[in-house]
Amino acid sequence: MKVPLFTVAAALLMLGASSTANAKGCIKGAVVGGVAGHYAGHHGVLGAAAGCLYGRHHAKEQERQRQQQGQVNGQGKL
């Protein structure tokens, strides 16, 4: 049974809309990973899951860098 890519993307969007704080980076990574997985041997769902994990990891790293940069400049969040 093959699941169309747009079905997976729609499901991820619905899941991401319920928890925007945890979904940062996940949606974009899932879409890119799903497309790449689809073209790399019809593994769109696996690619979407891996893309979501990578996108979330990348978003956390960027946020950590922004926080460190703000502290160095003396502009920490209040």
N, C-alpha and C. Protein backbone atom coordinates (compact mmCIF):
# COMPACT_ATOMS: atom_id res chain seq x y z
N MET A 1 0.84 -1.18 0.00
CA MET A 1 0.00 0.00 0.00
C MET A 1 0.88 1.24 0.00
N LYS A 2 0.72 2.05 -1.01
CA LYS A 2 1.51 3.27 -1.12
C LYS A 2 0.70 4.45 -0.62
N VAL A 3 1.33 5.26 0.20
CA VAL A 3 0.68 6.45 0.74
C VAL A 3 1.18 7.65 -0.06
N PRO A 4 0.28 8.41 -0.68
CA PRO A 4 0.72 9.59 -1.44
C PRO A 4 1.42 10.60 -0.54
N LEU A 5 2.38 11.28 -1.10
CA LEU A 5 3.19 12.25 -0.35
C LEU A 5 2.33 13.35 0.25
N PHE A 6 1.32 13.82 -0.48
CA PHE A 6 0.50 14.89 0.05
C PHE A 6 -0.29 14.44 1.27
N THR A 7 -0.60 13.16 1.38
CA THR A 7 -1.30 12.64 2.56
C THR A 7 -0.39 12.71 3.79
N VAL A 8 0.86 12.33 3.60
CA VAL A 8 1.82 12.39 4.70
C VAL A 8 2.06 13.83 5.11
N ALA A 9 2.21 14.72 4.13
CA ALA A 9 2.44 16.13 4.43
C ALA A 9 1.25 16.74 5.16
N ALA A 10 0.03 16.38 4.75
CA ALA A 10 -1.16 16.90 5.42
C ALA A 10 -1.24 16.41 6.86
N ALA A 11 -0.90 15.16 7.08
CA ALA A 11 -0.92 14.62 8.44
C ALA A 11 0.12 15.31 9.32
N LEU A 12 1.30 15.55 8.77
CA LEU A 12 2.33 16.24 9.54
C LEU A 12 1.94 17.69 9.84
N LEU A 13 1.28 18.33 8.89
CA LEU A 13 0.82 19.70 9.13
C LEU A 13 -0.21 19.75 10.24
N MET A 14 -1.11 18.79 10.27
CA MET A 14 -2.12 18.76 11.33
C MET A 14 -1.47 18.49 12.68
N LEU A 15 -0.50 17.60 12.72
CA LEU A 15 0.19 17.33 13.98
C LEU A 15 1.01 18.54 14.42
N GLY A 16 1.64 19.20 13.47
CA GLY A 16 2.45 20.36 13.79
C GLY A 16 1.62 21.55 14.25
N ALA A 17 0.41 21.68 13.74
CA ALA A 17 -0.44 22.80 14.12
C ALA A 17 -0.89 22.70 15.56
N SER A 18 -0.96 21.50 16.10
CA SER A 18 -1.40 21.34 17.48
C SER A 18 -0.31 21.70 18.48
N SER A 19 0.94 21.62 18.08
CA SER A 19 2.04 21.92 18.98
C SER A 19 3.12 22.68 18.22
N THR A 20 2.92 23.97 18.06
CA THR A 20 3.85 24.75 17.25
C THR A 20 5.22 24.87 17.88
N ALA A 21 5.32 24.84 19.20
CA ALA A 21 6.62 24.97 19.84
C ALA A 21 7.50 23.77 19.53
N ASN A 22 6.95 22.59 19.47
CA ASN A 22 7.73 21.39 19.20
C ASN A 22 7.87 21.11 17.71
N ALA A 23 7.10 21.76 16.87
CA ALA A 23 7.11 21.47 15.45
C ALA A 23 8.05 22.38 14.67
N LYS A 24 8.75 23.27 15.33
CA LYS A 24 9.64 24.19 14.63
C LYS A 24 10.71 23.40 13.88
N GLY A 25 10.73 23.54 12.58
CA GLY A 25 11.70 22.84 11.75
C GLY A 25 11.22 21.49 11.26
N CYS A 26 10.24 20.92 11.91
CA CYS A 26 9.78 19.58 11.57
C CYS A 26 9.04 19.56 10.24
N ILE A 27 8.17 20.50 10.02
CA ILE A 27 7.33 20.48 8.82
C ILE A 27 8.19 20.61 7.56
N LYS A 28 9.06 21.59 7.56
CA LYS A 28 9.91 21.80 6.38
C LYS A 28 10.81 20.59 6.15
N GLY A 29 11.40 20.06 7.20
CA GLY A 29 12.25 18.88 7.07
C GLY A 29 11.48 17.67 6.61
N ALA A 30 10.25 17.52 7.08
CA ALA A 30 9.44 16.37 6.68
C ALA A 30 9.08 16.43 5.21
N VAL A 31 8.74 17.60 4.73
CA VAL A 31 8.39 17.74 3.31
C VAL A 31 9.61 17.43 2.44
N VAL A 32 10.74 18.02 2.77
CA VAL A 32 11.96 17.79 1.99
C VAL A 32 12.38 16.33 2.08
N GLY A 33 12.35 15.76 3.28
CA GLY A 33 12.72 14.35 3.46
C GLY A 33 11.75 13.41 2.77
N GLY A 34 10.47 13.74 2.79
CA GLY A 34 9.48 12.90 2.11
C GLY A 34 9.69 12.86 0.61
N VAL A 35 9.96 14.01 0.03
CA VAL A 35 10.21 14.07 -1.41
C VAL A 35 11.50 13.31 -1.75
N ALA A 36 12.54 13.55 -0.98
CA ALA A 36 13.81 12.85 -1.24
C ALA A 36 13.65 11.34 -1.07
N GLY A 37 12.94 10.91 -0.02
CA GLY A 37 12.71 9.49 0.19
C GLY A 37 11.87 8.87 -0.91
N HIS A 38 10.93 9.61 -1.41
CA HIS A 38 10.09 9.10 -2.49
C HIS A 38 10.91 8.83 -3.75
N TYR A 39 11.79 9.76 -4.08
CA TYR A 39 12.59 9.58 -5.28
C TYR A 39 13.77 8.63 -5.07
N ALA A 40 14.11 8.33 -3.85
CA ALA A 40 15.22 7.43 -3.56
C ALA A 40 14.73 6.03 -3.24
N GLY A 41 13.70 5.59 -3.89
CA GLY A 41 13.27 4.21 -3.71
C GLY A 41 11.91 4.07 -3.08
N HIS A 42 11.04 5.03 -3.24
CA HIS A 42 9.66 4.98 -2.73
C HIS A 42 9.61 4.79 -1.20
N HIS A 43 10.44 5.53 -0.51
CA HIS A 43 10.45 5.51 0.96
C HIS A 43 10.09 6.90 1.48
N GLY A 44 8.97 7.43 1.01
CA GLY A 44 8.56 8.78 1.37
C GLY A 44 8.26 8.96 2.84
N VAL A 45 7.59 7.97 3.45
CA VAL A 45 7.23 8.08 4.86
C VAL A 45 8.48 8.04 5.73
N LEU A 46 9.39 7.13 5.41
CA LEU A 46 10.65 7.04 6.15
C LEU A 46 11.46 8.34 5.99
N GLY A 47 11.49 8.87 4.78
CA GLY A 47 12.20 10.12 4.54
C GLY A 47 11.57 11.29 5.28
N ALA A 48 10.23 11.30 5.35
CA ALA A 48 9.54 12.37 6.07
C ALA A 48 9.85 12.31 7.56
N ALA A 49 9.87 11.12 8.11
CA ALA A 49 10.19 10.97 9.54
C ALA A 49 11.62 11.41 9.83
N ALA A 50 12.55 10.99 9.00
CA ALA A 50 13.94 11.38 9.19
C ALA A 50 14.12 12.89 8.98
N GLY A 51 13.43 13.44 7.99
CA GLY A 51 13.51 14.87 7.74
C GLY A 51 12.96 15.68 8.89
N CYS A 52 11.89 15.20 9.50
CA CYS A 52 11.31 15.87 10.66
C CYS A 52 12.30 15.89 11.81
N LEU A 53 12.92 14.76 12.08
CA LEU A 53 13.90 14.69 13.17
C LEU A 53 15.08 15.62 12.92
N TYR A 54 15.58 15.61 11.69
CA TYR A 54 16.71 16.48 11.37
C TYR A 54 16.32 17.95 11.44
N GLY A 55 15.14 18.27 10.92
CA GLY A 55 14.68 19.66 10.95
C GLY A 55 14.53 20.18 12.36
N ARG A 56 14.00 19.35 13.25
CA ARG A 56 13.84 19.74 14.65
C ARG A 56 15.20 19.94 15.31
N HIS A 57 16.14 19.04 15.03
CA HIS A 57 17.49 19.15 15.59
C HIS A 57 18.16 20.45 15.11
N HIS A 58 18.02 20.74 13.83
CA HIS A 58 18.62 21.95 13.26
C HIS A 58 18.00 23.21 13.87
N ALA A 59 16.69 23.21 14.08
CA ALA A 59 16.02 24.37 14.68
C ALA A 59 16.49 24.59 16.12
N LYS A 60 16.69 23.51 16.86
CA LYS A 60 17.20 23.63 18.24
C LYS A 60 18.60 24.23 18.25
N GLU A 61 19.44 23.77 17.33
CA GLU A 61 20.81 24.29 17.26
C GLU A 61 20.81 25.79 16.93
N GLN A 62 19.97 26.21 16.00
CA GLN A 62 19.89 27.62 15.65
C GLN A 62 19.41 28.45 16.83
N GLU A 63 18.42 27.96 17.56
CA GLU A 63 17.91 28.69 18.72
C GLU A 63 18.98 28.80 19.81
N ARG A 64 19.74 27.74 20.00
CA ARG A 64 20.82 27.77 21.00
C ARG A 64 21.88 28.79 20.60
N GLN A 65 22.21 28.86 19.31
CA GLN A 65 23.19 29.84 18.85
C GLN A 65 22.68 31.27 19.02
N ARG A 66 21.39 31.49 18.75
CA ARG A 66 20.81 32.83 18.94
C ARG A 66 20.87 33.24 20.40
N GLN A 67 20.59 32.32 21.30
CA GLN A 67 20.62 32.64 22.73
C GLN A 67 22.04 32.96 23.18
N GLN A 68 23.01 32.18 22.72
CA GLN A 68 24.41 32.44 23.09
C GLN A 68 24.88 33.78 22.52
N GLN A 69 24.48 34.09 21.31
CA GLN A 69 24.88 35.34 20.69
C GLN A 69 24.25 36.53 21.42
N GLY A 70 23.02 36.38 21.89
CA GLY A 70 22.37 37.44 22.64
C GLY A 70 23.05 37.69 23.97
N GLN A 71 23.55 36.64 24.61
CA GLN A 71 24.23 36.79 25.89
C GLN A 71 25.59 37.45 25.71
N VAL A 72 26.27 37.13 24.61
CA VAL A 72 27.58 37.73 24.33
C VAL A 72 27.44 39.22 24.08
N ASN A 73 26.39 39.60 23.38
CA ASN A 73 26.16 41.02 23.07
C ASN A 73 25.55 41.79 24.24
N GLY A 74 25.23 41.10 25.32
CA GLY A 74 24.62 41.77 26.45
C GLY A 74 23.16 42.05 26.25
N GLN A 75 22.53 41.38 25.35
CA GLN A 75 21.13 41.59 25.05
C GLN A 75 20.33 40.35 25.41
N GLY A 76 20.57 39.82 26.59
CA GLY A 76 19.82 38.64 27.02
C GLY A 76 18.34 38.91 27.16
N LYS A 77 17.55 37.87 27.03
CA LYS A 77 16.09 38.03 27.13
C LYS A 77 15.69 38.28 28.58
N LEU A 78 14.72 39.11 28.76
CA LEU A 78 14.23 39.41 30.10
C LEU A 78 13.06 38.54 30.42
